[in-house]
Amino acid sequence: MAIIRKIIGDGKSELEFLKEVERRNGETDKKVSEIVADILENVRTRGDEAVKDYTLKFDGRLPEYYEVPREVINDALTNADEEFTSALLSCMENISRFHNRQKEQSFIDPMGNGCILGQRVRGLDRVGLYVPGGTAALSSSVLMNVVPAKIAEVGEIIMMTPPGKDGKPNPDILAAAAIAGVDRIFMAGGAQAIAALAYGTESVPKVDKIVGPGNIFVATAKKMVYGSVDIDSIAGPSEILIIADETANPVYLAADLMSQAEHDRLASAILITTSEEIADKTIEELSRQVEELSRKDIIKSSLENFGAVIVLDNMESAVSLANSLAPEHLEIQVNDPMKYLGCLNNAGSVFMGQYSPEPLGDYYAGPNHILPTGGTAKFFSPLSINSFVKRSQFIYYTREALMEAKKDIVTVAKSEGLTAHAKAVEIRFNEEG
């Protein structure tokens, strides 16, 4: 029995499947929201004591230390495998190179009449980074969050990460944090960690923005504290969509689909192809390759429930369907992939050609791997330098310039019924003013 469904596109069947995929991104469970709301309020009022109580309740024990000492962070880097740290440094170099290109400059626009306009761009004062525990220690996510924040000149970066079963921090996470330049690290997870960052406690400073992935409780907490602080996004399950023609290699296609399916049982892995032969061979490869993988149970569940191989008549239909789905990751494994780049409007990150697999973007190439999910690539963008800066504007007018503008300002203000606005300009030219 195939571990993934095959759909012959008829204008209806493929759309019904996509609706199934969309439903997994539904509203947060009411019980989860209630639990998270209680946690947020408790941490807001009781601070560190509440964070530690929840850590004991959910993790079974308190960590060895609440804030990780700097010498422990440094030791993690010193003791890390040399090949691992070398790989992290290579990845960080590429991430830095790419994100440095995103820098936005402040500007001053002096005008001929003596007026000066402008915009100031600066990094946020303090950012909080959540790094989950669980079965996968995402050291790459540390780099993807911290490197652009550092380039944006964020003043301070505070990391929250849950303790392991032994009460200790994950050493790979600490090594990545040391390399990237995280300022302080606290050991707490879940909604309570988000609350500590959002509201501040006796030990944890309040931040301006919270970034980083997490489970449903973390995602719900981020959603609820938005407004008190900024957040990067409400991240949903991982997604990959591949568009392939008859020139694609089914061995590669199967491997790439599973590279995302292994993240989560709710992950979505979809292949759209114009070749039924490629579709059938890819399905065979999936069944063969999955047995070799350590997370095969998760992969099988993901592919069975939210995976599909869709056969369409032409590339135009494939591109249209891809734009409708707006996937987190989009691979284009076709002859002359660059031909289609200009019409692929809705995707977090696009991978062009058979030698640009999605993991290349996860770790090494340089573009950020923190991407919009659940169709939000239609209006959201990947994490970038711009995620960590704020802009303010400034205006300087001379008396003569304001006099010249006075009539227009007063006219518009009075048309809106805002006479105090009009008066604030007029009074400057009254004799008594």
Protein backbone atom coordinates (compact mmCIF):
# COMPACT_ATOMS: atom_id res chain seq x y z
CA MET A 1 0.00 0.00 0.00
CA ALA A 2 1.33 3.43 -0.99
CA ILE A 3 2.20 5.74 1.89
CA ILE A 4 1.00 8.80 0.01
CA ARG A 5 -2.08 9.41 -2.13
CA LYS A 6 -1.96 10.10 -5.86
CA ILE A 7 -4.42 12.62 -7.26
CA ILE A 8 -5.11 13.07 -10.96
CA GLY A 9 -5.98 16.72 -11.27
CA ASP A 10 -9.48 17.42 -12.55
CA GLY A 11 -10.05 20.89 -11.15
CA LYS A 12 -11.88 19.48 -8.13
CA SER A 13 -10.01 16.58 -6.50
CA GLU A 14 -6.80 18.54 -5.94
CA LEU A 15 -8.71 21.49 -4.46
CA GLU A 16 -10.57 19.24 -2.04
CA PHE A 17 -7.25 17.85 -0.85
CA LEU A 18 -5.80 21.34 -0.35
CA LYS A 19 -8.81 22.22 1.81
CA GLU A 20 -7.94 19.22 4.00
CA VAL A 21 -4.42 20.58 4.38
CA GLU A 22 -5.69 24.05 5.23
CA ARG A 23 -7.94 22.69 7.99
CA ARG A 24 -4.92 21.54 10.02
CA ASN A 25 -4.12 25.26 10.48
CA GLY A 26 -7.48 25.90 12.14
CA GLU A 27 -8.23 27.95 15.21
CA THR A 28 -6.39 27.14 18.41
CA ASP A 29 -8.13 24.67 20.69
CA LYS A 30 -10.21 26.51 23.28
CA LYS A 31 -8.76 24.45 26.14
CA VAL A 32 -5.22 25.34 25.07
CA SER A 33 -6.15 29.02 25.00
CA GLU A 34 -7.61 28.82 28.50
CA ILE A 35 -4.52 27.06 29.88
CA VAL A 36 -2.18 29.56 28.23
CA ALA A 37 -4.19 32.55 29.45
CA ASP A 38 -3.89 31.30 33.04
CA ILE A 39 -0.14 30.77 32.65
CA LEU A 40 0.38 34.25 31.21
CA GLU A 41 -1.54 35.93 34.02
CA ASN A 42 0.20 33.88 36.69
CA VAL A 43 3.66 34.77 35.37
CA ARG A 44 2.66 38.40 34.96
CA THR A 45 1.70 38.62 38.65
CA ARG A 46 4.13 36.17 40.29
CA GLY A 47 7.18 36.44 38.04
CA ASP A 48 10.06 34.02 38.47
CA GLU A 49 8.26 32.00 41.12
CA ALA A 50 5.47 31.14 38.65
CA VAL A 51 7.95 30.30 35.86
CA LYS A 52 9.77 27.87 38.15
CA ASP A 53 6.51 26.33 39.39
CA TYR A 54 5.45 25.61 35.81
CA THR A 55 8.88 24.23 34.95
CA LEU A 56 8.62 21.80 37.86
CA LYS A 57 5.04 20.88 36.87
CA PHE A 58 5.63 20.31 33.15
CA ASP A 59 9.27 19.17 33.06
CA GLY A 60 9.26 17.15 36.28
CA ARG A 61 12.23 18.90 37.87
CA LEU A 62 13.87 22.28 38.18
CA PRO A 63 16.91 22.92 36.00
CA GLU A 64 20.41 22.97 37.39
CA TYR A 65 20.29 26.76 37.13
CA TYR A 66 17.67 29.26 36.00
CA GLU A 67 20.06 31.56 34.15
CA VAL A 68 22.86 29.68 32.45
CA PRO A 69 26.22 31.01 33.69
CA ARG A 70 28.46 32.55 31.05
CA GLU A 71 31.24 30.05 31.83
CA VAL A 72 28.84 27.17 31.10
CA ILE A 73 27.98 28.71 27.72
CA ASN A 74 31.65 29.20 26.91
CA ASP A 75 32.50 25.65 28.03
CA ALA A 76 29.81 24.27 25.72
CA LEU A 77 31.57 25.90 22.79
CA THR A 78 35.02 24.79 23.96
CA ASN A 79 33.87 21.19 24.41
CA ALA A 80 31.76 20.97 21.25
CA ASP A 81 32.77 18.64 18.44
CA GLU A 82 35.22 20.48 16.19
CA GLU A 83 33.48 19.37 13.00
CA PHE A 84 30.15 20.62 14.36
CA THR A 85 31.47 24.06 15.30
CA SER A 86 33.25 24.37 11.96
CA ALA A 87 29.99 23.62 10.17
CA LEU A 88 28.14 26.20 12.28
CA LEU A 89 30.76 28.83 11.46
CA SER A 90 30.45 28.11 7.73
CA CYS A 91 26.67 28.37 7.94
CA MET A 92 26.90 31.61 9.93
CA GLU A 93 29.24 33.14 7.37
CA ASN A 94 26.71 32.52 4.58
CA ILE A 95 23.76 33.69 6.69
CA SER A 96 25.65 36.88 7.54
CA ARG A 97 26.58 37.55 3.92
CA PHE A 98 22.99 37.24 2.74
CA HIS A 99 21.43 39.28 5.54
CA ASN A 100 23.99 42.07 5.28
CA ARG A 101 22.52 42.76 1.83
CA GLN A 102 19.18 43.57 3.49
CA LYS A 103 20.45 46.54 5.48
CA GLU A 104 18.23 49.60 5.22
CA GLN A 105 19.79 53.02 5.62
CA SER A 106 18.51 56.00 7.53
CA PHE A 107 18.17 59.06 5.32
CA ILE A 108 17.93 62.85 5.46
CA ASP A 109 16.12 64.73 2.70
CA PRO A 110 17.05 68.43 2.83
CA MET A 111 14.67 70.52 0.74
CA GLY A 112 15.40 73.75 -1.07
CA ASN A 113 13.14 75.83 1.19
CA GLY A 114 15.13 75.08 4.33
CA CYS A 115 12.95 72.18 5.47
CA ILE A 116 14.47 68.84 6.43
CA LEU A 117 12.68 65.48 6.28
CA GLY A 118 14.09 62.08 7.08
CA GLN A 119 13.86 58.60 8.50
CA ARG A 120 15.90 56.98 11.26
CA VAL A 121 16.38 53.19 11.23
CA ARG A 122 17.71 51.45 14.31
CA GLY A 123 17.77 48.03 15.92
CA LEU A 124 15.32 47.12 18.67
CA ASP A 125 16.60 47.50 22.23
CA ARG A 126 15.98 43.93 23.35
CA VAL A 127 14.76 40.75 21.61
CA GLY A 128 13.71 37.43 23.13
CA LEU A 129 14.47 34.17 21.35
CA TYR A 130 12.63 30.94 22.15
CA VAL A 131 14.51 27.74 21.28
CA PRO A 132 12.46 24.55 21.81
CA GLY A 133 13.72 21.33 23.32
CA GLY A 134 12.19 18.03 22.23
CA THR A 135 13.65 15.46 19.88
CA ALA A 136 15.43 17.91 17.56
CA ALA A 137 17.86 20.47 18.95
CA LEU A 138 17.58 23.22 16.36
CA SER A 139 20.98 24.87 16.57
CA SER A 140 20.39 26.16 13.03
CA SER A 141 17.39 28.18 14.26
CA VAL A 142 19.64 29.89 16.80
CA LEU A 143 21.79 31.16 13.94
CA MET A 144 18.85 32.11 11.74
CA ASN A 145 17.34 34.25 14.50
CA VAL A 146 20.42 35.73 16.10
CA VAL A 147 22.56 36.59 13.05
CA PRO A 148 20.08 39.04 11.46
CA ALA A 149 19.32 40.51 14.90
CA LYS A 150 23.01 41.17 15.44
CA ILE A 151 23.39 42.73 11.99
CA ALA A 152 20.37 44.93 12.77
CA GLU A 153 22.27 46.04 15.91
CA VAL A 154 19.73 44.80 18.43
CA GLY A 155 20.90 45.94 21.87
CA GLU A 156 20.47 42.65 23.76
CA ILE A 157 19.32 39.12 22.90
CA ILE A 158 17.73 36.97 25.64
CA MET A 159 17.25 33.26 24.96
CA MET A 160 14.72 30.94 26.60
CA THR A 161 15.16 27.20 26.18
CA PRO A 162 13.67 24.33 28.22
CA PRO A 163 15.92 22.08 30.28
CA GLY A 164 16.54 18.49 29.26
CA LYS A 165 15.39 15.55 31.33
CA ASP A 166 18.65 15.81 33.27
CA GLY A 167 17.93 19.45 34.13
CA LYS A 168 20.77 20.65 31.91
CA PRO A 169 20.69 22.77 28.74
CA ASN A 170 21.31 21.17 25.37
CA PRO A 171 25.06 21.63 24.70
CA ASP A 172 24.61 22.09 20.93
CA ILE A 173 22.12 24.91 21.56
CA LEU A 174 24.59 26.55 23.95
CA ALA A 175 27.43 26.22 21.44
CA ALA A 176 25.34 27.82 18.70
CA ALA A 177 24.30 30.60 21.08
CA ALA A 178 27.93 31.27 21.97
CA ILE A 179 28.97 31.41 18.32
CA ALA A 180 26.07 33.67 17.32
CA GLY A 181 26.46 36.04 20.28
CA VAL A 182 23.40 35.52 22.52
CA ASP A 183 23.73 37.75 25.60
CA ARG A 184 21.81 35.80 28.27
CA ILE A 185 20.17 32.37 28.42
CA PHE A 186 17.41 31.23 30.79
CA MET A 187 16.19 27.68 31.19
CA ALA A 188 12.42 27.62 30.89
CA GLY A 189 10.07 26.41 28.19
CA GLY A 190 6.46 26.61 27.08
CA ALA A 191 3.99 29.44 27.55
CA GLN A 192 5.66 30.43 30.83
CA ALA A 193 8.89 31.29 28.98
CA ILE A 194 6.98 33.46 26.53
CA ALA A 195 5.22 35.19 29.42
CA ALA A 196 8.54 35.91 31.15
CA LEU A 197 9.90 37.53 27.99
CA ALA A 198 6.73 39.49 27.28
CA TYR A 199 6.14 40.89 30.77
CA GLY A 200 9.53 40.63 32.43
CA THR A 201 10.22 39.06 35.83
CA GLU A 202 12.64 39.74 38.67
CA SER A 203 15.37 37.98 36.64
CA VAL A 204 14.22 38.03 33.02
CA PRO A 205 14.16 41.46 31.38
CA LYS A 206 11.09 42.44 29.35
CA VAL A 207 11.79 42.34 25.62
CA ASP A 208 10.45 44.32 22.67
CA LYS A 209 9.97 41.34 20.36
CA ILE A 210 9.79 37.54 20.66
CA VAL A 211 11.00 35.25 17.88
CA GLY A 212 11.49 31.53 17.46
CA PRO A 213 9.38 28.38 16.94
CA GLY A 214 7.58 26.24 19.50
CA ASN A 215 4.68 23.89 20.18
CA ILE A 216 0.98 24.80 20.25
CA PHE A 217 1.29 26.30 23.76
CA VAL A 218 4.22 28.49 22.71
CA ALA A 219 2.48 29.57 19.50
CA THR A 220 -0.73 30.39 21.40
CA ALA A 221 1.19 32.34 24.04
CA LYS A 222 2.96 34.39 21.36
CA LYS A 223 -0.38 35.15 19.75
CA MET A 224 -1.84 36.29 23.09
CA VAL A 225 1.06 38.57 24.10
CA TYR A 226 1.19 40.26 20.70
CA GLY A 227 0.51 43.91 21.32
CA SER A 228 2.42 43.91 24.59
CA VAL A 229 5.41 42.91 22.47
CA ASP A 230 5.95 42.28 18.79
CA ILE A 231 6.37 38.71 17.50
CA ASP A 232 7.83 37.20 14.35
CA SER A 233 4.79 35.13 13.32
CA ILE A 234 2.38 32.42 14.42
CA ALA A 235 4.25 29.44 13.01
CA GLY A 236 2.28 26.42 11.87
CA PRO A 237 3.36 22.93 10.80
CA SER A 238 6.14 22.72 8.22
CA GLU A 239 5.34 22.51 4.49
CA ILE A 240 7.05 21.64 1.25
CA LEU A 241 5.62 21.81 -2.26
CA ILE A 242 7.63 20.53 -5.22
CA ILE A 243 6.83 21.25 -8.87
CA ALA A 244 8.43 18.69 -11.19
CA ASP A 245 8.32 17.85 -14.88
CA GLU A 246 9.44 14.75 -16.77
CA THR A 247 13.14 15.70 -16.35
CA ALA A 248 13.04 15.43 -12.54
CA ASN A 249 14.70 12.62 -10.60
CA PRO A 250 12.18 10.64 -8.48
CA VAL A 251 14.94 9.63 -6.06
CA TYR A 252 15.57 13.29 -5.27
CA LEU A 253 11.88 14.15 -5.16
CA ALA A 254 11.11 11.46 -2.59
CA ALA A 255 14.05 12.44 -0.39
CA ASP A 256 13.06 16.11 -0.45
CA LEU A 257 9.43 15.41 0.41
CA MET A 258 10.50 13.39 3.44
CA SER A 259 12.97 16.05 4.57
CA GLN A 260 9.97 18.09 5.68
CA ALA A 261 7.61 15.25 6.56
CA GLU A 262 10.00 14.19 9.33
CA HIS A 263 9.44 17.46 11.23
CA ASP A 264 5.95 16.72 12.49
CA ARG A 265 2.96 14.44 11.97
CA LEU A 266 1.08 17.57 10.86
CA ALA A 267 3.72 18.52 8.27
CA SER A 268 2.58 18.71 4.67
CA ALA A 269 4.64 17.35 1.74
CA ILE A 270 3.14 17.71 -1.75
CA LEU A 271 4.46 16.98 -5.22
CA ILE A 272 2.84 18.52 -8.30
CA THR A 273 4.06 17.01 -11.55
CA THR A 274 3.14 17.07 -15.20
CA SER A 275 4.36 13.46 -15.60
CA GLU A 276 2.39 10.51 -14.28
CA GLU A 277 5.47 8.34 -14.72
CA ILE A 278 7.43 10.63 -12.39
CA ALA A 279 4.51 10.54 -9.95
CA ASP A 280 4.46 6.73 -9.82
CA LYS A 281 8.24 6.40 -9.49
CA THR A 282 8.32 8.98 -6.71
CA ILE A 283 5.66 7.09 -4.77
CA GLU A 284 7.74 3.90 -5.14
CA GLU A 285 10.84 5.76 -3.91
CA LEU A 286 8.99 7.10 -0.89
CA SER A 287 8.04 3.57 0.18
CA ARG A 288 11.60 2.36 -0.31
CA GLN A 289 13.52 5.25 1.25
CA VAL A 290 11.32 5.77 4.30
CA GLU A 291 12.35 2.44 5.80
CA GLU A 292 15.95 3.69 6.06
CA LEU A 293 15.09 6.77 8.13
CA SER A 294 15.13 7.22 11.91
CA ARG A 295 11.85 9.18 12.03
CA LYS A 296 9.96 6.90 9.66
CA ASP A 297 6.85 6.69 11.85
CA ILE A 298 6.44 10.47 11.84
CA ILE A 299 7.13 10.60 8.09
CA LYS A 300 4.57 7.91 7.28
CA SER A 301 1.90 9.62 9.37
CA SER A 302 2.61 12.99 7.76
CA LEU A 303 2.56 11.62 4.21
CA GLU A 304 -0.58 9.55 4.74
CA ASN A 305 -2.58 12.42 6.22
CA PHE A 306 -1.24 15.59 4.63
CA GLY A 307 0.86 14.43 1.69
CA ALA A 308 -0.08 13.98 -1.96
CA VAL A 309 1.34 13.51 -5.43
CA ILE A 310 -0.80 15.55 -7.81
CA VAL A 311 -0.66 15.05 -11.58
CA LEU A 312 -1.62 18.07 -13.68
CA ASP A 313 -1.73 18.62 -17.44
CA ASN A 314 0.68 21.54 -17.72
CA MET A 315 3.11 23.83 -15.90
CA GLU A 316 0.73 26.78 -15.99
CA SER A 317 -1.75 24.84 -13.85
CA ALA A 318 1.06 23.75 -11.51
CA VAL A 319 2.23 27.34 -10.99
CA SER A 320 -1.34 28.53 -10.42
CA LEU A 321 -1.93 25.83 -7.80
CA ALA A 322 1.38 26.65 -6.09
CA ASN A 323 0.44 30.32 -5.86
CA SER A 324 -2.92 29.35 -4.39
CA LEU A 325 -1.32 27.13 -1.73
CA ALA A 326 1.43 29.69 -0.89
CA PRO A 327 3.80 27.10 0.65
CA GLU A 328 6.54 27.67 3.17
CA HIS A 329 9.10 25.89 0.94
CA LEU A 330 8.72 25.59 -2.83
CA GLU A 331 11.09 23.49 -4.94
CA ILE A 332 11.14 23.82 -8.74
CA GLN A 333 12.68 20.68 -10.27
CA VAL A 334 12.02 21.28 -13.95
CA ASN A 335 13.97 21.97 -17.10
CA ASP A 336 14.99 25.67 -17.01
CA PRO A 337 13.61 26.47 -13.53
CA MET A 338 14.58 30.16 -13.74
CA LYS A 339 11.92 30.54 -16.43
CA TYR A 340 9.23 30.30 -13.76
CA LEU A 341 10.75 32.39 -10.96
CA GLY A 342 8.98 35.58 -12.00
CA CYS A 343 5.51 34.03 -11.79
CA LEU A 344 5.93 32.18 -8.48
CA ASN A 345 4.45 34.93 -6.34
CA ASN A 346 3.48 33.18 -3.11
CA ALA A 347 6.16 31.17 -1.32
CA GLY A 348 8.36 31.65 1.69
CA SER A 349 11.52 30.44 -0.05
CA VAL A 350 11.95 29.08 -3.58
CA PHE A 351 14.55 26.39 -4.37
CA MET A 352 15.53 26.28 -8.04
CA GLY A 353 16.78 23.15 -9.79
CA GLN A 354 17.61 19.60 -8.75
CA TYR A 355 20.72 20.58 -6.76
CA SER A 356 18.97 23.05 -4.47
CA PRO A 357 17.20 20.77 -1.96
CA GLU A 358 15.27 22.37 0.89
CA PRO A 359 17.87 21.42 3.59
CA LEU A 360 20.35 23.65 1.73
CA GLY A 361 18.19 26.57 2.85
CA ASP A 362 17.60 25.15 6.31
CA TYR A 363 21.27 25.26 7.18
CA TYR A 364 23.77 26.64 4.76
CA ALA A 365 22.92 28.80 1.76
CA GLY A 366 22.22 32.00 3.69
CA PRO A 367 18.56 33.01 3.16
CA ASN A 368 16.56 32.68 6.35
CA HIS A 369 14.77 29.42 7.11
CA ILE A 370 12.16 31.06 9.35
CA LEU A 371 9.33 31.36 6.84
CA PRO A 372 5.59 32.03 6.69
CA THR A 373 3.41 28.92 6.90
CA GLY A 374 -0.23 27.98 6.44
CA GLY A 375 -0.73 30.04 3.28
CA THR A 376 0.48 33.25 4.94
CA ALA A 377 3.25 33.58 2.35
CA LYS A 378 0.57 35.45 0.38
CA PHE A 379 1.16 38.42 2.69
CA PHE A 380 4.03 37.62 5.11
CA SER A 381 7.76 37.51 4.42
CA PRO A 382 10.70 35.48 5.76
CA LEU A 383 12.50 36.64 8.89
CA SER A 384 15.04 39.30 7.93
CA ILE A 385 16.98 42.32 9.10
CA ASN A 386 13.72 44.26 8.82
CA SER A 387 12.22 42.01 11.49
CA PHE A 388 14.60 43.50 14.07
CA VAL A 389 14.55 47.21 13.30
CA LYS A 390 12.10 50.02 13.79
CA ARG A 391 11.78 53.21 11.82
CA SER A 392 10.95 56.70 13.00
CA GLN A 393 10.48 59.79 10.87
CA PHE A 394 11.43 63.40 11.50
CA ILE A 395 10.25 66.73 10.14
CA TYR A 396 11.80 70.18 10.40
CA TYR A 397 9.97 73.17 8.83
CA THR A 398 10.87 76.85 8.84
CA ARG A 399 8.28 79.54 9.54
CA GLU A 400 8.24 80.47 5.88
CA ALA A 401 7.66 76.91 4.76
CA LEU A 402 4.83 76.37 7.26
CA MET A 403 3.22 79.61 6.10
CA GLU A 404 3.29 78.31 2.53
CA ALA A 405 1.64 75.06 3.60
CA LYS A 406 -0.82 76.66 6.04
CA LYS A 407 -3.79 77.04 3.70
CA ASP A 408 -3.76 73.41 2.54
CA ILE A 409 -3.32 72.02 6.07
CA VAL A 410 -6.13 74.14 7.50
CA THR A 411 -8.45 73.29 4.62
CA VAL A 412 -8.04 69.53 5.06
CA ALA A 413 -8.20 69.72 8.88
CA LYS A 414 -11.46 71.69 8.84
CA SER A 415 -12.95 69.34 6.24
CA GLU A 416 -12.40 66.54 8.77
CA GLY A 417 -13.99 68.59 11.55
CA LEU A 418 -10.68 68.74 13.44
CA THR A 419 -10.57 72.42 14.26
CA ALA A 420 -7.87 72.01 16.92
CA HIS A 421 -5.59 70.65 14.21
CA ALA A 422 -6.26 73.75 12.12
CA LYS A 423 -5.78 76.05 15.13
CA ALA A 424 -2.36 74.51 15.93
CA VAL A 425 -1.16 75.84 12.57
CA GLU A 426 -3.11 79.11 12.44
CA ILE A 427 -2.05 80.24 15.92
CA ARG A 428 1.55 80.50 14.80
CA PHE A 429 0.60 83.30 12.43
CA ASN A 430 -1.81 85.23 14.64
CA GLU A 431 -0.44 88.39 16.17
CA GLU A 432 -1.33 87.20 19.65
CA GLY A 433 0.43 83.88 18.94
